[in-house]
Amino acid sequence: EFPLDMTEAHCGFPARLMLPKGKQSGMP
């Protein structure tokens, strides 16, 4: 089956990039 929620929005910000990289020791 082709699921009903297969279609993906084109207009959302990439979830992967939600957070900045920060630092290994922790960045405030």
PDB file of all heavy atoms in Angstrom:
ATOM      1  N   GLU A   1       0.819  -1.197   0.000  1.00  0.00           N
ATOM      2  CA  GLU A   1       0.000   0.000   0.000  1.00  0.00           C
ATOM      3  C   GLU A   1       0.860   1.256   0.000  1.00  0.00           C
ATOM      4  O   GLU A   1       1.957   1.266   0.542  1.00  0.00           O
ATOM      5  CB  GLU A   1      -0.919   0.014   1.225  1.00  0.00           C
ATOM      6  CG  GLU A   1      -1.973  -1.080   1.214  1.00  0.00           C
ATOM      7  CD  GLU A   1      -2.904  -0.980   2.417  1.00  0.00           C
ATOM      8  OE1 GLU A   1      -2.659  -0.100   3.274  1.00  0.00           O
ATOM      9  OE2 GLU A   1      -3.864  -1.762   2.487  1.00  0.00           O
ATOM     10  N   PHE A   2       0.338   2.271  -0.630  1.00  0.00           N
ATOM     11  CA  PHE A   2       0.969   3.588  -0.574  1.00  0.00           C
ATOM     12  C   PHE A   2       0.272   4.345   0.554  1.00  0.00           C
ATOM     13  O   PHE A   2      -0.889   4.738   0.410  1.00  0.00           O
ATOM     14  CB  PHE A   2       0.777   4.315  -1.908  1.00  0.00           C
ATOM     15  CG  PHE A   2       1.637   5.534  -2.070  1.00  0.00           C
ATOM     16  CD1 PHE A   2       2.934   5.429  -2.536  1.00  0.00           C
ATOM     17  CD2 PHE A   2       1.151   6.798  -1.760  1.00  0.00           C
ATOM     18  CE1 PHE A   2       3.727   6.546  -2.709  1.00  0.00           C
ATOM     19  CE2 PHE A   2       1.931   7.926  -1.922  1.00  0.00           C
ATOM     20  CZ  PHE A   2       3.232   7.795  -2.395  1.00  0.00           C
ATOM     21  N   PRO A   3       0.916   4.516   1.714  1.00  0.00           N
ATOM     22  CA  PRO A   3       0.233   5.058   2.894  1.00  0.00           C
ATOM     23  C   PRO A   3      -0.274   6.476   2.678  1.00  0.00           C
ATOM     24  O   PRO A   3       0.285   7.249   1.898  1.00  0.00           O
ATOM     25  CB  PRO A   3       1.315   5.009   3.973  1.00  0.00           C
ATOM     26  CG  PRO A   3       2.604   5.020   3.227  1.00  0.00           C
ATOM     27  CD  PRO A   3       2.340   4.283   1.956  1.00  0.00           C
ATOM     28  N   LEU A   4      -1.298   6.820   3.402  1.00  0.00           N
ATOM     29  CA  LEU A   4      -1.901   8.141   3.266  1.00  0.00           C
ATOM     30  C   LEU A   4      -0.937   9.254   3.645  1.00  0.00           C
ATOM     31  O   LEU A   4      -1.069  10.382   3.179  1.00  0.00           O
ATOM     32  CB  LEU A   4      -3.164   8.238   4.135  1.00  0.00           C
ATOM     33  CG  LEU A   4      -4.325   7.323   3.730  1.00  0.00           C
ATOM     34  CD1 LEU A   4      -5.456   7.474   4.715  1.00  0.00           C
ATOM     35  CD2 LEU A   4      -4.798   7.650   2.330  1.00  0.00           C
ATOM     36  N   ASP A   5       0.009   8.956   4.539  1.00  0.00           N
ATOM     37  CA  ASP A   5       0.925  10.006   4.989  1.00  0.00           C
ATOM     38  C   ASP A   5       2.264   9.930   4.274  1.00  0.00           C
ATOM     39  O   ASP A   5       3.265  10.408   4.753  1.00  0.00           O
ATOM     40  CB  ASP A   5       1.131   9.932   6.504  1.00  0.00           C
ATOM     41  CG  ASP A   5       1.788   8.627   6.939  1.00  0.00           C
ATOM     42  OD1 ASP A   5       1.892   7.707   6.097  1.00  0.00           O
ATOM     43  OD2 ASP A   5       2.187   8.533   8.108  1.00  0.00           O
ATOM     44  N   MET A   6       2.274   9.314   3.098  1.00  0.00           N
ATOM     45  CA  MET A   6       3.523   9.190   2.359  1.00  0.00           C
ATOM     46  C   MET A   6       4.009  10.553   1.871  1.00  0.00           C
ATOM     47  O   MET A   6       5.201  10.839   1.840  1.00  0.00           O
ATOM     48  CB  MET A   6       3.315   8.258   1.154  1.00  0.00           C
ATOM     49  CG  MET A   6       4.571   8.016   0.328  1.00  0.00           C
ATOM     50  SD  MET A   6       5.803   7.112   1.272  1.00  0.00           S
ATOM     51  CE  MET A   6       7.206   7.197   0.155  1.00  0.00           C
ATOM     52  N   THR A   7       3.070  11.401   1.476  1.00  0.00           N
ATOM     53  CA  THR A   7       3.451  12.700   0.943  1.00  0.00           C
ATOM     54  C   THR A   7       4.186  13.534   1.981  1.00  0.00           C
ATOM     55  O   THR A   7       3.768  13.618   3.130  1.00  0.00           O
ATOM     56  CB  THR A   7       2.215  13.464   0.452  1.00  0.00           C
ATOM     57  OG1 THR A   7       1.569  12.673  -0.544  1.00  0.00           O
ATOM     58  CG2 THR A   7       2.601  14.798  -0.146  1.00  0.00           C
ATOM     59  N   GLU A   8       5.284  14.149   1.564  1.00  0.00           N
ATOM     60  CA  GLU A   8       6.125  14.921   2.472  1.00  0.00           C
ATOM     61  C   GLU A   8       6.017  16.405   2.147  1.00  0.00           C
ATOM     62  O   GLU A   8       6.007  16.795   0.988  1.00  0.00           O
ATOM     63  CB  GLU A   8       7.579  14.457   2.335  1.00  0.00           C
ATOM     64  CG  GLU A   8       7.749  12.984   2.656  1.00  0.00           C
ATOM     65  CD  GLU A   8       9.008  12.390   2.046  1.00  0.00           C
ATOM     66  OE1 GLU A   8       9.330  12.744   0.907  1.00  0.00           O
ATOM     67  OE2 GLU A   8       9.638  11.569   2.710  1.00  0.00           O
ATOM     68  N   ALA A   9       5.920  17.217   3.178  1.00  0.00           N
ATOM     69  CA  ALA A   9       5.821  18.655   2.969  1.00  0.00           C
ATOM     70  C   ALA A   9       7.137  19.194   2.422  1.00  0.00           C
ATOM     71  O   ALA A   9       8.212  18.730   2.763  1.00  0.00           O
ATOM     72  CB  ALA A   9       5.482  19.356   4.271  1.00  0.00           C
ATOM     73  N   HIS A  10       7.023  20.190   1.569  1.00  0.00           N
ATOM     74  CA  HIS A  10       8.219  20.806   1.003  1.00  0.00           C
ATOM     75  C   HIS A  10       8.613  22.059   1.762  1.00  0.00           C
ATOM     76  O   HIS A  10       9.654  22.633   1.496  1.00  0.00           O
ATOM     77  CB  HIS A  10       7.953  21.187  -0.461  1.00  0.00           C
ATOM     78  CG  HIS A  10       6.922  22.256  -0.614  1.00  0.00           C
ATOM     79  ND1 HIS A  10       5.570  21.978  -0.707  1.00  0.00           N
ATOM     80  CD2 HIS A  10       7.014  23.609  -0.660  1.00  0.00           C
ATOM     81  CE1 HIS A  10       4.900  23.103  -0.818  1.00  0.00           C
ATOM     82  NE2 HIS A  10       5.748  24.121  -0.782  1.00  0.00           N
ATOM     83  N   CYS A  11       7.773  22.508   2.699  1.00  0.00           N
ATOM     84  CA  CYS A  11       7.944  23.856   3.239  1.00  0.00           C
ATOM     85  C   CYS A  11       8.488  23.895   4.669  1.00  0.00           C
ATOM     86  O   CYS A  11       8.590  24.971   5.238  1.00  0.00           O
ATOM     87  CB  CYS A  11       6.606  24.591   3.197  1.00  0.00           C
ATOM     88  SG  CYS A  11       5.268  23.698   3.994  1.00  0.00           S
ATOM     89  N   GLY A  12       8.820  22.777   5.261  1.00  0.00           N
ATOM     90  CA  GLY A  12       9.329  22.792   6.622  1.00  0.00           C
ATOM     91  C   GLY A  12      10.842  22.915   6.677  1.00  0.00           C
ATOM     92  O   GLY A  12      11.560  22.463   5.779  1.00  0.00           O
ATOM     93  N   PHE A  13      11.339  23.521   7.748  1.00  0.00           N
ATOM     94  CA  PHE A  13      12.779  23.637   7.968  1.00  0.00           C
ATOM     95  C   PHE A  13      13.330  22.245   8.272  1.00  0.00           C
ATOM     96  O   PHE A  13      12.672  21.436   8.929  1.00  0.00           O
ATOM     97  CB  PHE A  13      13.040  24.569   9.146  1.00  0.00           C
ATOM     98  CG  PHE A  13      14.475  24.979   9.305  1.00  0.00           C
ATOM     99  CD1 PHE A  13      15.003  25.987   8.522  1.00  0.00           C
ATOM    100  CD2 PHE A  13      15.291  24.359  10.234  1.00  0.00           C
ATOM    101  CE1 PHE A  13      16.327  26.379   8.663  1.00  0.00           C
ATOM    102  CE2 PHE A  13      16.614  24.740  10.390  1.00  0.00           C
ATOM    103  CZ  PHE A  13      17.142  25.754   9.593  1.00  0.00           C
ATOM    104  N   PRO A  14      14.547  21.903   7.797  1.00  0.00           N
ATOM    105  CA  PRO A  14      15.086  20.560   8.054  1.00  0.00           C
ATOM    106  C   PRO A  14      15.179  20.261   9.549  1.00  0.00           C
ATOM    107  O   PRO A  14      15.815  21.003  10.306  1.00  0.00           O
ATOM    108  CB  PRO A  14      16.480  20.621   7.421  1.00  0.00           C
ATOM    109  CG  PRO A  14      16.397  21.712   6.401  1.00  0.00           C
ATOM    110  CD  PRO A  14      15.444  22.724   6.964  1.00  0.00           C
ATOM    111  N   ALA A  15      14.541  19.188   9.965  1.00  0.00           N
ATOM    112  CA  ALA A  15      14.533  18.830  11.384  1.00  0.00           C
ATOM    113  C   ALA A  15      15.947  18.584  11.898  1.00  0.00           C
ATOM    114  O   ALA A  15      16.251  18.854  13.064  1.00  0.00           O
ATOM    115  CB  ALA A  15      13.662  17.594  11.606  1.00  0.00           C
ATOM    116  N   ARG A  16      16.826  18.078  11.047  1.00  0.00           N
ATOM    117  CA  ARG A  16      18.204  17.803  11.464  1.00  0.00           C
ATOM    118  C   ARG A  16      18.910  19.062  11.951  1.00  0.00           C
ATOM    119  O   ARG A  16      19.806  19.003  12.797  1.00  0.00           O
ATOM    120  CB  ARG A  16      19.021  17.225  10.307  1.00  0.00           C
ATOM    121  CG  ARG A  16      18.591  15.890   9.795  1.00  0.00           C
ATOM    122  CD  ARG A  16      19.428  15.487   8.600  1.00  0.00           C
ATOM    123  NE  ARG A  16      19.299  16.411   7.488  1.00  0.00           N
ATOM    124  CZ  ARG A  16      20.128  17.410   7.218  1.00  0.00           C
ATOM    125  NH1 ARG A  16      21.170  17.633   7.994  1.00  0.00           N
ATOM    126  NH2 ARG A  16      19.940  18.199   6.176  1.00  0.00           N
ATOM    127  N   LEU A  17      18.543  20.208  11.367  1.00  0.00           N
ATOM    128  CA  LEU A  17      19.235  21.465  11.651  1.00  0.00           C
ATOM    129  C   LEU A  17      18.517  22.293  12.703  1.00  0.00           C
ATOM    130  O   LEU A  17      18.765  23.482  12.849  1.00  0.00           O
ATOM    131  CB  LEU A  17      19.381  22.280  10.364  1.00  0.00           C
ATOM    132  CG  LEU A  17      20.145  21.597   9.233  1.00  0.00           C
ATOM    133  CD1 LEU A  17      20.208  22.493   8.004  1.00  0.00           C
ATOM    134  CD2 LEU A  17      21.551  21.214   9.674  1.00  0.00           C
ATOM    135  N   MET A  18      17.628  21.668  13.447  1.00  0.00           N
ATOM    136  CA  MET A  18      16.888  22.374  14.484  1.00  0.00           C
ATOM    137  C   MET A  18      17.825  23.004  15.507  1.00  0.00           C
ATOM    138  O   MET A  18      17.618  24.131  15.957  1.00  0.00           O
ATOM    139  CB  MET A  18      15.941  21.388  15.184  1.00  0.00           C
ATOM    140  CG  MET A  18      15.025  21.994  16.208  1.00  0.00           C
ATOM    141  SD  MET A  18      14.115  20.694  17.082  1.00  0.00           S
ATOM    142  CE  MET A  18      13.318  19.825  15.744  1.00  0.00           C
ATOM    143  N   LEU A  19      18.881  22.278  15.867  1.00  0.00           N
ATOM    144  CA  LEU A  19      19.824  22.761  16.877  1.00  0.00           C
ATOM    145  C   LEU A  19      21.156  23.119  16.238  1.00  0.00           C
ATOM    146  O   LEU A  19      21.622  22.408  15.334  1.00  0.00           O
ATOM    147  CB  LEU A  19      20.060  21.687  17.944  1.00  0.00           C
ATOM    148  CG  LEU A  19      18.852  21.190  18.731  1.00  0.00           C
ATOM    149  CD1 LEU A  19      19.294  20.112  19.722  1.00  0.00           C
ATOM    150  CD2 LEU A  19      18.159  22.331  19.460  1.00  0.00           C
ATOM    151  N   PRO A  20      21.804  24.191  16.697  1.00  0.00           N
ATOM    152  CA  PRO A  20      23.174  24.470  16.256  1.00  0.00           C
ATOM    153  C   PRO A  20      24.131  23.426  16.807  1.00  0.00           C
ATOM    154  O   PRO A  20      23.803  22.713  17.761  1.00  0.00           O
ATOM    155  CB  PRO A  20      23.456  25.855  16.836  1.00  0.00           C
ATOM    156  CG  PRO A  20      22.553  25.961  18.016  1.00  0.00           C
ATOM    157  CD  PRO A  20      21.312  25.186  17.662  1.00  0.00           C
ATOM    158  N   LYS A  21      25.312  23.364  16.231  1.00  0.00           N
ATOM    159  CA  LYS A  21      26.247  22.291  16.576  1.00  0.00           C
ATOM    160  C   LYS A  21      26.629  22.284  18.043  1.00  0.00           C
ATOM    161  O   LYS A  21      26.753  21.219  18.664  1.00  0.00           O
ATOM    162  CB  LYS A  21      27.513  22.417  15.720  1.00  0.00           C
ATOM    163  CG  LYS A  21      28.477  21.249  15.896  1.00  0.00           C
ATOM    164  CD  LYS A  21      29.733  21.430  15.072  1.00  0.00           C
ATOM    165  CE  LYS A  21      30.689  22.404  15.732  1.00  0.00           C
ATOM    166  NZ  LYS A  21      32.027  22.414  15.090  1.00  0.00           N
ATOM    167  N   GLY A  22      26.789  23.468  18.656  1.00  0.00           N
ATOM    168  CA  GLY A  22      27.256  23.498  20.032  1.00  0.00           C
ATOM    169  C   GLY A  22      28.728  23.128  20.114  1.00  0.00           C
ATOM    170  O   GLY A  22      29.472  23.206  19.128  1.00  0.00           O
ATOM    171  N   LYS A  23      29.159  22.673  21.310  1.00  0.00           N
ATOM    172  CA  LYS A  23      30.560  22.307  21.505  1.00  0.00           C
ATOM    173  C   LYS A  23      30.661  21.020  22.303  1.00  0.00           C
ATOM    174  O   LYS A  23      29.724  20.619  22.998  1.00  0.00           O
ATOM    175  CB  LYS A  23      31.316  23.437  22.203  1.00  0.00           C
ATOM    176  CG  LYS A  23      31.413  24.703  21.352  1.00  0.00           C
ATOM    177  CD  LYS A  23      32.275  25.771  21.987  1.00  0.00           C
ATOM    178  CE  LYS A  23      32.411  26.964  21.050  1.00  0.00           C
ATOM    179  NZ  LYS A  23      33.227  28.052  21.628  1.00  0.00           N
ATOM    180  N   GLN A  24      31.820  20.393  22.186  1.00  0.00           N
ATOM    181  CA  GLN A  24      31.995  19.086  22.813  1.00  0.00           C
ATOM    182  C   GLN A  24      31.804  19.152  24.323  1.00  0.00           C
ATOM    183  O   GLN A  24      31.214  18.258  24.932  1.00  0.00           O
ATOM    184  CB  GLN A  24      33.378  18.527  22.479  1.00  0.00           C
ATOM    185  CG  GLN A  24      33.568  17.081  22.908  1.00  0.00           C
ATOM    186  CD  GLN A  24      34.832  16.477  22.318  1.00  0.00           C
ATOM    187  OE1 GLN A  24      35.621  17.165  21.691  1.00  0.00           O
ATOM    188  NE2 GLN A  24      35.017  15.187  22.508  1.00  0.00           N
ATOM    189  N   SER A  25      32.275  20.215  24.934  1.00  0.00           N
ATOM    190  CA  SER A  25      32.146  20.355  26.385  1.00  0.00           C
ATOM    191  C   SER A  25      30.805  20.953  26.796  1.00  0.00           C
ATOM    192  O   SER A  25      30.532  21.114  27.983  1.00  0.00           O
ATOM    193  CB  SER A  25      33.278  21.223  26.931  1.00  0.00           C
ATOM    194  OG  SER A  25      33.260  22.507  26.320  1.00  0.00           O
ATOM    195  N   GLY A  26      29.993  21.275  25.814  1.00  0.00           N
ATOM    196  CA  GLY A  26      28.700  21.892  26.089  1.00  0.00           C
ATOM    197  C   GLY A  26      28.759  23.393  25.882  1.00  0.00           C
ATOM    198  O   GLY A  26      29.612  24.079  26.451  1.00  0.00           O
ATOM    199  N   MET A  27      27.868  23.927  25.062  1.00  0.00           N
ATOM    200  CA  MET A  27      27.837  25.368  24.794  1.00  0.00           C
ATOM    201  C   MET A  27      26.537  25.947  25.330  1.00  0.00           C
ATOM    202  O   MET A  27      25.448  25.436  25.045  1.00  0.00           O
ATOM    203  CB  MET A  27      27.940  25.637  23.294  1.00  0.00           C
ATOM    204  CG  MET A  27      27.959  27.118  22.959  1.00  0.00           C
ATOM    205  SD  MET A  27      28.298  27.422  21.225  1.00  0.00           S
ATOM    206  CE  MET A  27      28.223  29.219  21.208  1.00  0.00           C
ATOM    207  N   PRO A  28      26.613  27.013  26.121  1.00  0.00           N
ATOM    208  CA  PRO A  28      25.397  27.587  26.716  1.00  0.00           C
ATOM    209  C   PRO A  28      24.494  28.255  25.676  1.00  0.00           C
ATOM    210  O   PRO A  28      24.954  29.011  24.824  1.00  0.00           O
ATOM    211  CB  PRO A  28      25.936  28.627  27.706  1.00  0.00           C
ATOM    212  CG  PRO A  28      27.375  28.277  27.909  1.00  0.00           C
ATOM    213  CD  PRO A  28      27.827  27.683  26.616  1.00  0.00           C
TER     214      PRO A  28
END
